[in-house]
Structure formats: C-alpha cells, structure tokens
Amino acid sequence: MGILDRNRIRKKLLVVLLFGTSFIYAQYGKNCEIRQYKINLVNPGLEYETGLGVNTTLDIKVGLQVAIDPSVAEPYTDYGFFPALAAQYRYYYNFDRRNRNGRQIYGNSANYIAPAAAVFIPGPRTIDNVIVKDVISYVGAVTGLQRSYNSGFNFSVDVGAAYYIGAFKEAIYPVANLSIGWIISEKRWCVGK
C-alpha cells in the first residue's frame, strides 16, 4: 500500500468522522421535541410531529378538516368538511429568544414558517348538476405559531397561500389551519421553562 493510498484513506476517514460528529451534534443539539402525538379536536384527527434538526420538525395530520372547495363557483363562501392528510416541514425561528426571555419552549412552543401540502378526499358531491368525485390537493407555504402547556393542552394556528390542484380551474387560494387539542404521547428533548 503506497503513501498516496494511505493519504486517501485518511482523508476519507476524516470526512466520515466530521460528518458523523456533525450528525451527532445535530441530533443532540435540538431545540425541538423528538416526537409528540396529538389529538386535534377542532378538525377531528391525529397529529404526529417529529424533530428532524435543531429547529425543524415534520408535522403530519390525518383526520377531517374544513377546507375551501375550488370546484364550486364561490370557493370563499362554500366550505367542505373532508377527510384529509396534511404535512408541514416546520422551521421554528424563535426558540432561543423565547428561552432567553424565560418563556416555555416545551412542546415546540414557538413561531414557525413551513412549506405545506395537503390532500383532501371528498365523497361524491353534486356541483352545478355535475357529480364531482375529484381529489383536492394543495402545495404552498404558511407561517404560524404553536403553544403547548405542561397539562398537555396544545394549540397551533397558521395562515398562508397555496396552489390548489384538481379537476377544476387550478389557482392560488388562502390556507388557514387551526389545531386545538392535547399531546397524548411524547418523547421530550427540550424541557423548557
């Protein structure tokens, strides 16, 4: 084995060690909770949020949700209640400031921005004498806040805009989400105040 081969091996080993160290630091330097399961009472369903990075989480919701129906003539006045699967990749941007000010960060109590996506599976419905069975989905961005309390009570609210997709005139519409419920199971990282 030549000197050049040993140098390559050492460089590769160094890169692996650096990558491994940064991965370990990213996992143990979190502000976010490792995972939490929540029950949503406003839009009945379950929610799962898991920490991915220092200030980022993946939030997935399954249940019934109030939503606009872009298939109708007046989407802002005709709302539907549809089974839905929604996801957000949340970046919490004020953990440090809240912690410095003595405010609780338990349960990811902070403000966030997030790309958001959802799929709504409505049952057949009649609109303008036509039966519509289409799936409605959107992709967009939201900003919001989440607060959790030691009792397990949790709420989050976010607003934004999204591009709605389906067998109708696709367009950008507003998005608003409200979740009020309880954390039913958790694995804490940040204990908070």
N, C-alpha and C. Protein backbone atom coordinates (compact mmCIF):
# COMPACT_ATOMS: atom_id res chain seq x y z
N MET A 1 0.85 -1.17 0.00
CA MET A 1 0.00 0.00 0.00
C MET A 1 0.90 1.24 0.00
N GLY A 2 0.70 2.11 -0.97
CA GLY A 2 1.55 3.28 -1.11
C GLY A 2 1.13 4.42 -0.21
N ILE A 3 1.97 5.43 -0.16
CA ILE A 3 1.70 6.62 0.66
C ILE A 3 0.44 7.33 0.17
N LEU A 4 0.25 7.39 -1.15
CA LEU A 4 -0.94 8.05 -1.70
C LEU A 4 -2.23 7.35 -1.26
N ASP A 5 -2.21 6.01 -1.25
CA ASP A 5 -3.38 5.25 -0.82
C ASP A 5 -3.70 5.52 0.65
N ARG A 6 -2.68 5.58 1.48
CA ARG A 6 -2.88 5.86 2.92
C ARG A 6 -3.45 7.26 3.13
N ASN A 7 -2.97 8.22 2.36
CA ASN A 7 -3.48 9.59 2.47
C ASN A 7 -4.95 9.66 2.06
N ARG A 8 -5.32 8.95 1.02
CA ARG A 8 -6.73 8.91 0.59
C ARG A 8 -7.61 8.28 1.67
N ILE A 9 -7.12 7.19 2.24
CA ILE A 9 -7.88 6.53 3.30
C ILE A 9 -8.05 7.46 4.50
N ARG A 10 -6.97 8.15 4.86
CA ARG A 10 -7.04 9.09 5.99
C ARG A 10 -8.02 10.22 5.71
N LYS A 11 -7.99 10.75 4.48
CA LYS A 11 -8.93 11.83 4.12
C LYS A 11 -10.37 11.33 4.18
N LYS A 12 -10.62 10.13 3.66
CA LYS A 12 -11.97 9.58 3.70
C LYS A 12 -12.42 9.35 5.14
N LEU A 13 -11.51 8.84 5.97
CA LEU A 13 -11.81 8.62 7.37
C LEU A 13 -12.11 9.94 8.09
N LEU A 14 -11.35 10.96 7.76
CA LEU A 14 -11.57 12.28 8.36
C LEU A 14 -12.94 12.83 7.96
N VAL A 15 -13.30 12.69 6.69
CA VAL A 15 -14.62 13.15 6.22
C VAL A 15 -15.73 12.39 6.93
N VAL A 16 -15.59 11.08 7.06
CA VAL A 16 -16.60 10.28 7.76
C VAL A 16 -16.72 10.72 9.21
N LEU A 17 -15.59 10.93 9.88
CA LEU A 17 -15.62 11.39 11.28
C LEU A 17 -16.27 12.76 11.42
N LEU A 18 -15.93 13.68 10.53
CA LEU A 18 -16.53 15.01 10.58
C LEU A 18 -18.03 14.94 10.34
N PHE A 19 -18.42 14.16 9.33
CA PHE A 19 -19.85 14.01 9.04
C PHE A 19 -20.56 13.37 10.23
N GLY A 20 -19.96 12.33 10.79
CA GLY A 20 -20.57 11.65 11.94
C GLY A 20 -20.70 12.56 13.14
N THR A 21 -19.67 13.37 13.39
CA THR A 21 -19.72 14.31 14.51
C THR A 21 -20.80 15.35 14.30
N SER A 22 -20.90 15.88 13.07
CA SER A 22 -21.94 16.89 12.81
C SER A 22 -23.32 16.26 12.91
N PHE A 23 -23.46 14.99 12.48
CA PHE A 23 -24.75 14.31 12.60
C PHE A 23 -25.13 14.14 14.07
N ILE A 24 -24.17 13.72 14.88
CA ILE A 24 -24.44 13.54 16.31
C ILE A 24 -24.79 14.88 16.95
N TYR A 25 -24.04 15.93 16.61
CA TYR A 25 -24.33 17.26 17.16
C TYR A 25 -25.72 17.70 16.75
N ALA A 26 -26.10 17.47 15.49
CA ALA A 26 -27.43 17.88 15.02
C ALA A 26 -28.51 17.14 15.79
N GLN A 27 -28.27 15.89 16.13
CA GLN A 27 -29.28 15.12 16.84
C GLN A 27 -29.38 15.52 18.31
N TYR A 28 -28.26 15.88 18.92
CA TYR A 28 -28.27 16.17 20.35
C TYR A 28 -28.25 17.66 20.66
N GLY A 29 -28.27 18.50 19.64
CA GLY A 29 -28.32 19.93 19.86
C GLY A 29 -29.68 20.49 19.51
N LYS A 30 -30.70 19.68 19.65
CA LYS A 30 -32.03 20.08 19.23
C LYS A 30 -32.68 21.06 20.20
N ASN A 31 -33.52 21.92 19.63
CA ASN A 31 -34.45 22.71 20.42
C ASN A 31 -35.82 22.04 20.38
N CYS A 32 -36.08 21.27 19.33
CA CYS A 32 -37.39 20.66 19.09
C CYS A 32 -37.57 19.39 19.91
N GLU A 33 -38.83 19.08 20.19
CA GLU A 33 -39.14 17.79 20.81
C GLU A 33 -38.79 16.68 19.83
N ILE A 34 -38.40 15.54 20.35
CA ILE A 34 -38.04 14.41 19.49
C ILE A 34 -39.28 13.90 18.75
N ARG A 35 -40.37 13.73 19.49
CA ARG A 35 -41.64 13.36 18.84
C ARG A 35 -42.78 13.62 19.80
N GLN A 36 -43.94 13.88 19.21
CA GLN A 36 -45.15 14.03 20.02
C GLN A 36 -46.37 13.68 19.18
N TYR A 37 -47.29 12.97 19.81
CA TYR A 37 -48.57 12.62 19.20
C TYR A 37 -49.63 13.51 19.84
N LYS A 38 -50.52 14.04 18.98
CA LYS A 38 -51.53 14.96 19.48
C LYS A 38 -52.90 14.58 18.93
N ILE A 39 -53.93 14.89 19.70
CA ILE A 39 -55.32 14.76 19.25
C ILE A 39 -55.79 16.16 18.93
N ASN A 40 -56.39 16.33 17.76
CA ASN A 40 -56.93 17.62 17.34
C ASN A 40 -58.45 17.55 17.49
N LEU A 41 -59.02 18.48 18.23
CA LEU A 41 -60.46 18.49 18.46
C LEU A 41 -61.21 19.36 17.46
N VAL A 42 -60.58 20.43 16.94
CA VAL A 42 -61.25 21.34 16.01
C VAL A 42 -61.49 20.65 14.68
N ASN A 43 -60.45 20.08 14.12
CA ASN A 43 -60.55 19.25 12.92
C ASN A 43 -60.24 17.84 13.41
N PRO A 44 -61.27 17.07 13.78
CA PRO A 44 -61.05 15.80 14.47
C PRO A 44 -60.04 14.90 13.76
N GLY A 45 -59.01 14.52 14.51
CA GLY A 45 -58.00 13.66 13.93
C GLY A 45 -56.77 13.55 14.81
N LEU A 46 -55.74 12.94 14.26
CA LEU A 46 -54.47 12.74 14.95
C LEU A 46 -53.37 13.53 14.26
N GLU A 47 -52.38 13.92 15.05
CA GLU A 47 -51.26 14.68 14.53
C GLU A 47 -49.98 14.09 15.11
N TYR A 48 -48.96 13.99 14.28
CA TYR A 48 -47.66 13.48 14.71
C TYR A 48 -46.61 14.50 14.29
N GLU A 49 -45.77 14.91 15.25
CA GLU A 49 -44.70 15.86 14.96
C GLU A 49 -43.39 15.26 15.46
N THR A 50 -42.39 15.24 14.58
CA THR A 50 -41.11 14.68 14.95
C THR A 50 -39.98 15.66 14.61
N GLY A 51 -39.02 15.77 15.51
CA GLY A 51 -37.88 16.65 15.30
C GLY A 51 -36.95 16.08 14.26
N LEU A 52 -36.54 16.92 13.32
CA LEU A 52 -35.61 16.50 12.27
C LEU A 52 -34.25 17.15 12.40
N GLY A 53 -34.22 18.36 12.89
CA GLY A 53 -32.97 19.09 13.01
C GLY A 53 -33.01 19.93 14.27
N VAL A 54 -32.10 20.87 14.36
CA VAL A 54 -32.01 21.70 15.55
C VAL A 54 -33.31 22.47 15.78
N ASN A 55 -33.87 23.07 14.73
CA ASN A 55 -35.09 23.87 14.85
C ASN A 55 -36.17 23.43 13.87
N THR A 56 -36.10 22.23 13.33
CA THR A 56 -37.06 21.81 12.32
C THR A 56 -37.80 20.54 12.73
N THR A 57 -39.05 20.46 12.29
CA THR A 57 -39.86 19.27 12.54
C THR A 57 -40.66 18.93 11.29
N LEU A 58 -41.14 17.72 11.24
CA LEU A 58 -42.11 17.30 10.25
C LEU A 58 -43.41 17.06 11.01
N ASP A 59 -44.46 17.75 10.61
CA ASP A 59 -45.77 17.65 11.25
C ASP A 59 -46.75 17.03 10.26
N ILE A 60 -47.37 15.90 10.64
CA ILE A 60 -48.31 15.19 9.77
C ILE A 60 -49.64 15.09 10.48
N LYS A 61 -50.73 15.46 9.78
CA LYS A 61 -52.07 15.41 10.34
C LYS A 61 -52.95 14.50 9.48
N VAL A 62 -53.78 13.70 10.15
CA VAL A 62 -54.74 12.84 9.47
C VAL A 62 -56.08 13.03 10.18
N GLY A 63 -57.12 13.28 9.42
CA GLY A 63 -58.43 13.44 10.05
C GLY A 63 -59.40 14.17 9.13
N LEU A 64 -60.44 14.72 9.72
CA LEU A 64 -61.41 15.51 8.98
C LEU A 64 -61.02 16.97 9.10
N GLN A 65 -61.13 17.70 7.99
CA GLN A 65 -60.69 19.09 8.01
C GLN A 65 -61.64 19.96 7.20
N VAL A 66 -61.90 21.15 7.72
CA VAL A 66 -62.67 22.15 6.98
C VAL A 66 -61.77 22.73 5.91
N ALA A 67 -62.27 22.85 4.68
CA ALA A 67 -61.45 23.38 3.59
C ALA A 67 -62.34 24.06 2.56
N ILE A 68 -61.73 24.96 1.79
CA ILE A 68 -62.47 25.52 0.67
C ILE A 68 -62.57 24.45 -0.40
N ASP A 69 -63.58 24.57 -1.24
CA ASP A 69 -63.76 23.63 -2.35
C ASP A 69 -63.61 24.41 -3.65
N PRO A 70 -62.45 24.38 -4.29
CA PRO A 70 -62.23 25.16 -5.51
C PRO A 70 -63.10 24.72 -6.68
N SER A 71 -63.84 23.61 -6.54
CA SER A 71 -64.70 23.15 -7.62
C SER A 71 -65.97 23.97 -7.73
N VAL A 72 -66.33 24.68 -6.67
CA VAL A 72 -67.60 25.41 -6.66
C VAL A 72 -67.41 26.81 -7.21
N ALA A 73 -68.53 27.44 -7.57
CA ALA A 73 -68.48 28.78 -8.16
C ALA A 73 -67.96 29.82 -7.17
N GLU A 74 -68.32 29.70 -5.91
CA GLU A 74 -67.91 30.65 -4.87
C GLU A 74 -67.07 29.93 -3.80
N PRO A 75 -65.79 29.64 -4.08
CA PRO A 75 -65.00 28.86 -3.12
C PRO A 75 -64.83 29.52 -1.76
N TYR A 76 -64.93 30.86 -1.69
CA TYR A 76 -64.75 31.54 -0.41
C TYR A 76 -65.99 31.51 0.46
N THR A 77 -67.12 31.11 -0.10
CA THR A 77 -68.34 31.04 0.70
C THR A 77 -68.82 29.61 0.91
N ASP A 78 -68.38 28.68 0.06
CA ASP A 78 -68.78 27.27 0.17
C ASP A 78 -67.62 26.44 0.70
N TYR A 79 -67.73 26.04 1.94
CA TYR A 79 -66.68 25.24 2.56
C TYR A 79 -67.13 23.79 2.64
N GLY A 80 -66.18 22.89 2.69
CA GLY A 80 -66.49 21.48 2.84
C GLY A 80 -65.76 20.91 4.05
N PHE A 81 -66.20 19.75 4.48
CA PHE A 81 -65.59 19.04 5.60
C PHE A 81 -65.11 17.71 5.03
N PHE A 82 -63.82 17.59 4.78
CA PHE A 82 -63.28 16.47 4.02
C PHE A 82 -62.26 15.66 4.83
N PRO A 83 -62.17 14.34 4.59
CA PRO A 83 -61.04 13.58 5.12
C PRO A 83 -59.76 14.13 4.49
N ALA A 84 -58.72 14.28 5.30
CA ALA A 84 -57.51 14.92 4.78
C ALA A 84 -56.25 14.30 5.36
N LEU A 85 -55.18 14.44 4.60
CA LEU A 85 -53.83 14.13 5.02
C LEU A 85 -53.02 15.38 4.72
N ALA A 86 -52.42 15.97 5.75
CA ALA A 86 -51.68 17.22 5.58
C ALA A 86 -50.30 17.09 6.21
N ALA A 87 -49.33 17.80 5.64
CA ALA A 87 -47.96 17.76 6.16
C ALA A 87 -47.33 19.14 6.07
N GLN A 88 -46.49 19.45 7.07
CA GLN A 88 -45.72 20.69 7.08
C GLN A 88 -44.30 20.38 7.52
N TYR A 89 -43.34 21.01 6.88
CA TYR A 89 -41.94 20.94 7.31
C TYR A 89 -41.66 22.26 8.01
N ARG A 90 -41.78 22.26 9.35
CA ARG A 90 -41.74 23.49 10.13
C ARG A 90 -40.32 23.89 10.53
N TYR A 91 -40.02 25.16 10.33
CA TYR A 91 -38.78 25.75 10.84
C TYR A 91 -39.18 26.73 11.93
N TYR A 92 -38.84 26.40 13.18
CA TYR A 92 -39.14 27.27 14.32
C TYR A 92 -38.02 28.27 14.46
N TYR A 93 -38.35 29.56 14.38
CA TYR A 93 -37.31 30.56 14.31
C TYR A 93 -37.10 31.37 15.59
N ASN A 94 -37.83 31.09 16.66
CA ASN A 94 -37.62 31.92 17.85
C ASN A 94 -37.50 31.12 19.15
N PHE A 95 -37.00 29.90 19.08
CA PHE A 95 -36.75 29.12 20.30
C PHE A 95 -35.78 29.85 21.24
N ASP A 96 -34.66 30.30 20.68
CA ASP A 96 -33.64 30.93 21.52
C ASP A 96 -34.17 32.18 22.21
N ARG A 97 -34.87 33.02 21.47
CA ARG A 97 -35.39 34.25 22.07
C ARG A 97 -36.42 33.94 23.15
N ARG A 98 -37.30 32.98 22.91
CA ARG A 98 -38.29 32.60 23.92
C ARG A 98 -37.60 32.06 25.17
N ASN A 99 -36.58 31.23 24.97
CA ASN A 99 -35.85 30.65 26.10
C ASN A 99 -35.12 31.73 26.89
N ARG A 100 -34.46 32.66 26.19
CA ARG A 100 -33.77 33.77 26.86
C ARG A 100 -34.72 34.63 27.68
N ASN A 101 -35.95 34.81 27.18
CA ASN A 101 -36.94 35.64 27.87
C ASN A 101 -37.71 34.86 28.95
N GLY A 102 -37.29 33.63 29.21
CA GLY A 102 -37.92 32.83 30.26
C GLY A 102 -39.27 32.25 29.87
N ARG A 103 -39.55 32.20 28.59
CA ARG A 103 -40.82 31.62 28.13
C ARG A 103 -40.62 30.15 27.81
N GLN A 104 -41.67 29.41 27.96
CA GLN A 104 -41.64 27.96 27.75
C GLN A 104 -41.43 27.62 26.28
N ILE A 105 -40.61 26.61 26.01
CA ILE A 105 -40.46 26.09 24.65
C ILE A 105 -40.90 24.62 24.57
N TYR A 106 -41.35 24.08 25.70
CA TYR A 106 -41.84 22.69 25.73
C TYR A 106 -42.92 22.49 24.66
N GLY A 107 -42.91 21.35 24.04
CA GLY A 107 -43.92 21.01 23.04
C GLY A 107 -43.80 21.84 21.78
N ASN A 108 -42.58 22.33 21.50
CA ASN A 108 -42.33 23.17 20.33
C ASN A 108 -43.16 24.46 20.39
N SER A 109 -43.16 25.08 21.56
CA SER A 109 -43.87 26.36 21.73
C SER A 109 -43.02 27.46 21.14
N ALA A 110 -43.28 27.78 19.88
CA ALA A 110 -42.53 28.81 19.17
C ALA A 110 -43.28 29.18 17.90
N ASN A 111 -42.75 30.14 17.17
CA ASN A 111 -43.31 30.55 15.89
C ASN A 111 -42.57 29.83 14.77
N TYR A 112 -43.26 29.61 13.64
CA TYR A 112 -42.64 28.84 12.56
C TYR A 112 -43.06 29.34 11.18
N ILE A 113 -42.27 28.95 10.19
CA ILE A 113 -42.64 29.05 8.79
C ILE A 113 -42.52 27.64 8.23
N ALA A 114 -43.33 27.34 7.20
CA ALA A 114 -43.31 25.96 6.71
C ALA A 114 -43.85 25.85 5.29
N PRO A 115 -43.20 25.05 4.45
CA PRO A 115 -43.88 24.60 3.25
C PRO A 115 -44.96 23.62 3.72
N ALA A 116 -46.10 23.65 3.04
CA ALA A 116 -47.24 22.83 3.47
C ALA A 116 -47.88 22.16 2.26
N ALA A 117 -48.39 20.96 2.49
CA ALA A 117 -49.11 20.23 1.44
C ALA A 117 -50.25 19.47 2.08
N ALA A 118 -51.31 19.27 1.32
CA ALA A 118 -52.46 18.51 1.83
C ALA A 118 -53.18 17.83 0.67
N VAL A 119 -53.83 16.72 1.01
CA VAL A 119 -54.68 16.00 0.06
C VAL A 119 -56.02 15.79 0.77
N PHE A 120 -57.10 16.23 0.11
CA PHE A 120 -58.46 16.07 0.63
C PHE A 120 -59.18 15.06 -0.25
N ILE A 121 -59.87 14.12 0.37
CA ILE A 121 -60.58 13.09 -0.38
C ILE A 121 -62.07 13.25 -0.12
N PRO A 122 -62.72 14.10 -0.90
CA PRO A 122 -64.15 14.32 -0.69
C PRO A 122 -64.97 13.17 -1.25
N GLY A 123 -66.13 12.95 -0.67
CA GLY A 123 -67.05 11.99 -1.25
C GLY A 123 -67.70 12.61 -2.47
N PRO A 124 -68.39 11.82 -3.27
CA PRO A 124 -69.06 12.39 -4.44
C PRO A 124 -70.03 13.50 -4.00
N ARG A 125 -70.04 14.60 -4.74
CA ARG A 125 -70.94 15.70 -4.45
C ARG A 125 -71.41 16.30 -5.76
N THR A 126 -72.56 16.91 -5.73
CA THR A 126 -73.13 17.49 -6.94
C THR A 126 -72.88 19.00 -6.94
N ILE A 127 -72.22 19.48 -7.98
CA ILE A 127 -71.96 20.91 -8.14
C ILE A 127 -72.42 21.29 -9.54
N ASP A 128 -73.35 22.23 -9.63
CA ASP A 128 -73.92 22.66 -10.92
C ASP A 128 -74.42 21.46 -11.73
N ASN A 129 -75.16 20.58 -11.06
CA ASN A 129 -75.75 19.38 -11.67
C ASN A 129 -74.72 18.42 -12.25
N VAL A 130 -73.49 18.48 -11.76
CA VAL A 130 -72.45 17.55 -12.19
C VAL A 130 -71.90 16.87 -10.95
N ILE A 131 -71.77 15.54 -11.01
CA ILE A 131 -71.21 14.82 -9.87
C ILE A 131 -69.69 14.95 -9.92
N VAL A 132 -69.12 15.45 -8.82
CA VAL A 132 -67.68 15.66 -8.73
C VAL A 132 -67.13 14.66 -7.72
N LYS A 133 -66.13 13.89 -8.13
CA LYS A 133 -65.52 12.89 -7.25
C LYS A 133 -64.04 13.16 -7.05
N ASP A 134 -63.57 14.29 -7.50
CA ASP A 134 -62.14 14.55 -7.57
C ASP A 134 -61.49 14.78 -6.21
N VAL A 135 -60.24 14.39 -6.17
CA VAL A 135 -59.39 14.67 -5.02
C VAL A 135 -58.92 16.12 -5.15
N ILE A 136 -58.88 16.82 -4.03
CA ILE A 136 -58.39 18.19 -4.00
C ILE A 136 -57.07 18.16 -3.24
N SER A 137 -56.07 18.87 -3.74
CA SER A 137 -54.81 18.96 -3.01
C SER A 137 -54.22 20.35 -3.16
N TYR A 138 -53.29 20.67 -2.29
CA TYR A 138 -52.61 21.94 -2.42
C TYR A 138 -51.15 21.81 -1.99
N VAL A 139 -50.35 22.74 -2.48
CA VAL A 139 -48.95 22.89 -2.09
C VAL A 139 -48.72 24.38 -1.90
N GLY A 140 -48.15 24.76 -0.76
CA GLY A 140 -47.94 26.18 -0.51
C GLY A 140 -47.00 26.43 0.65
N ALA A 141 -47.17 27.60 1.28
CA ALA A 141 -46.33 27.98 2.41
C ALA A 141 -47.20 28.69 3.46
N VAL A 142 -46.86 28.48 4.73
CA VAL A 142 -47.61 29.08 5.83
C VAL A 142 -46.65 29.65 6.87
N THR A 143 -47.17 30.52 7.70
CA THR A 143 -46.45 30.99 8.88
C THR A 143 -47.42 30.88 10.04
N GLY A 144 -46.89 30.50 11.20
CA GLY A 144 -47.81 30.29 12.32
C GLY A 144 -47.09 30.21 13.65
N LEU A 145 -47.85 29.81 14.64
CA LEU A 145 -47.30 29.63 15.98
C LEU A 145 -47.94 28.42 16.63
N GLN A 146 -47.20 27.83 17.55
CA GLN A 146 -47.69 26.69 18.31
C GLN A 146 -47.36 26.94 19.78
N ARG A 147 -48.30 26.59 20.64
CA ARG A 147 -48.07 26.70 22.08
C ARG A 147 -48.54 25.42 22.75
N SER A 148 -47.72 24.91 23.66
CA SER A 148 -48.04 23.71 24.43
C SER A 148 -47.84 24.02 25.91
N TYR A 149 -48.63 23.36 26.74
CA TYR A 149 -48.57 23.61 28.18
C TYR A 149 -48.32 22.30 28.91
N ASN A 150 -47.81 22.40 30.14
CA ASN A 150 -47.47 21.20 30.91
C ASN A 150 -48.64 20.26 31.10
N SER A 151 -49.87 20.77 31.05
CA SER A 151 -51.05 19.93 31.17
C SER A 151 -51.24 19.04 29.94
N GLY A 152 -50.51 19.36 28.84
CA GLY A 152 -50.68 18.63 27.59
C GLY A 152 -51.53 19.39 26.60
N PHE A 153 -52.22 20.43 27.06
CA PHE A 153 -53.03 21.25 26.15
C PHE A 153 -52.12 21.86 25.10
N ASN A 154 -52.57 21.85 23.85
CA ASN A 154 -51.76 22.31 22.73
C ASN A 154 -52.64 23.01 21.71
N PHE A 155 -52.14 24.10 21.14
CA PHE A 155 -52.82 24.69 20.01
C PHE A 155 -51.81 25.24 19.03
N SER A 156 -52.20 25.27 17.77
CA SER A 156 -51.39 25.90 16.74
C SER A 156 -52.32 26.55 15.73
N VAL A 157 -51.84 27.62 15.15
CA VAL A 157 -52.60 28.32 14.12
C VAL A 157 -51.60 28.80 13.08
N ASP A 158 -51.95 28.64 11.80
CA ASP A 158 -51.09 29.15 10.75
C ASP A 158 -51.92 29.63 9.57
N VAL A 159 -51.36 30.55 8.81
CA VAL A 159 -52.01 31.09 7.62
C VAL A 159 -50.97 31.20 6.51
N GLY A 160 -51.46 31.19 5.28
CA GLY A 160 -50.56 31.31 4.14
C GLY A 160 -51.32 31.23 2.84
N ALA A 161 -50.64 30.83 1.81
CA ALA A 161 -51.25 30.69 0.49
C ALA A 161 -50.75 29.40 -0.14
N ALA A 162 -51.60 28.83 -1.01
CA ALA A 162 -51.22 27.57 -1.64
C ALA A 162 -51.84 27.48 -3.03
N TYR A 163 -51.20 26.69 -3.85
CA TYR A 163 -51.70 26.41 -5.19
C TYR A 163 -52.55 25.15 -5.10
N TYR A 164 -53.84 25.29 -5.37
CA TYR A 164 -54.77 24.16 -5.29
C TYR A 164 -54.79 23.43 -6.62
N ILE A 165 -54.79 22.10 -6.54
CA ILE A 165 -54.69 21.24 -7.71
C ILE A 165 -55.88 20.29 -7.72
N GLY A 166 -56.47 20.07 -8.89
CA GLY A 166 -57.58 19.14 -9.04
C GLY A 166 -58.20 19.30 -10.41
N ALA A 167 -59.36 18.65 -10.62
CA ALA A 167 -60.05 18.72 -11.90
C ALA A 167 -60.96 19.94 -11.90
N PHE A 168 -60.38 21.11 -11.79
CA PHE A 168 -61.09 22.39 -11.78
C PHE A 168 -60.07 23.43 -12.18
N LYS A 169 -60.49 24.68 -12.18
CA LYS A 169 -59.54 25.74 -12.53
C LYS A 169 -58.55 25.89 -11.38
N GLU A 170 -57.33 25.42 -11.62
CA GLU A 170 -56.30 25.48 -10.59
C GLU A 170 -55.89 26.93 -10.36
N ALA A 171 -55.70 27.27 -9.08
CA ALA A 171 -55.38 28.65 -8.74
C ALA A 171 -54.77 28.71 -7.35
N ILE A 172 -54.30 29.89 -6.98
CA ILE A 172 -53.77 30.13 -5.64
C ILE A 172 -54.91 30.63 -4.76
N TYR A 173 -55.06 29.97 -3.61
CA TYR A 173 -56.08 30.34 -2.63
C TYR A 173 -55.42 30.44 -1.26
N PRO A 174 -56.08 31.09 -0.32
CA PRO A 174 -55.52 31.15 1.03
C PRO A 174 -55.61 29.80 1.75
N VAL A 175 -54.74 29.64 2.74
CA VAL A 175 -54.75 28.45 3.59
C VAL A 175 -54.76 28.94 5.04
N ALA A 176 -55.58 28.33 5.86
CA ALA A 176 -55.59 28.62 7.30
C ALA A 176 -55.83 27.32 8.03
N ASN A 177 -55.04 27.06 9.05
CA ASN A 177 -55.17 25.85 9.85
C ASN A 177 -55.26 26.21 11.32
N LEU A 178 -56.15 25.54 12.02
CA LEU A 178 -56.29 25.72 13.46
C LEU A 178 -56.32 24.34 14.09
N SER A 179 -55.49 24.15 15.09
CA SER A 179 -55.46 22.88 15.81
C SER A 179 -55.54 23.18 17.30
N ILE A 180 -56.53 22.59 17.96
CA ILE A 180 -56.67 22.70 19.41
C ILE A 180 -56.87 21.29 19.93
N GLY A 181 -56.04 20.90 20.90
CA GLY A 181 -56.16 19.55 21.42
C GLY A 181 -55.17 19.27 22.53
N TRP A 182 -54.76 17.99 22.62
CA TRP A 182 -53.86 17.56 23.67
C TRP A 182 -52.74 16.71 23.12
N ILE A 183 -51.57 16.85 23.75
CA ILE A 183 -50.46 15.96 23.47
C ILE A 183 -50.75 14.68 24.25
N ILE A 184 -50.86 13.55 23.55
CA ILE A 184 -51.22 12.30 24.23
C ILE A 184 -50.02 11.40 24.48
N SER A 185 -48.94 11.62 23.74
CA SER A 185 -47.73 10.84 23.94
C SER A 185 -46.57 11.67 23.43
N GLU A 186 -45.44 11.58 24.11
CA GLU A 186 -44.33 12.43 23.72
C GLU A 186 -43.01 11.80 24.12
N LYS A 187 -41.98 12.22 23.46
CA LYS A 187 -40.62 11.96 23.91
C LYS A 187 -39.95 13.32 23.90
N ARG A 188 -39.70 13.85 25.06
CA ARG A 188 -39.21 15.23 25.18
C ARG A 188 -37.72 15.32 24.90
N TRP A 189 -37.36 16.43 24.30
CA TRP A 189 -35.96 16.82 24.26
C TRP A 189 -35.83 18.10 25.04
N CYS A 190 -36.55 19.13 24.57
CA CYS A 190 -36.45 20.40 25.28
C CYS A 190 -37.44 20.38 26.43
N VAL A 191 -36.98 20.60 27.61
CA VAL A 191 -37.84 20.59 28.79
C VAL A 191 -38.52 21.93 28.94
N GLY A 192 -37.85 23.00 28.52
CA GLY A 192 -38.44 24.33 28.58
C GLY A 192 -38.57 24.82 30.00
N LYS A 193 -39.29 25.91 30.14
CA LYS A 193 -39.46 26.53 31.46
C LYS A 193 -40.79 26.15 32.03
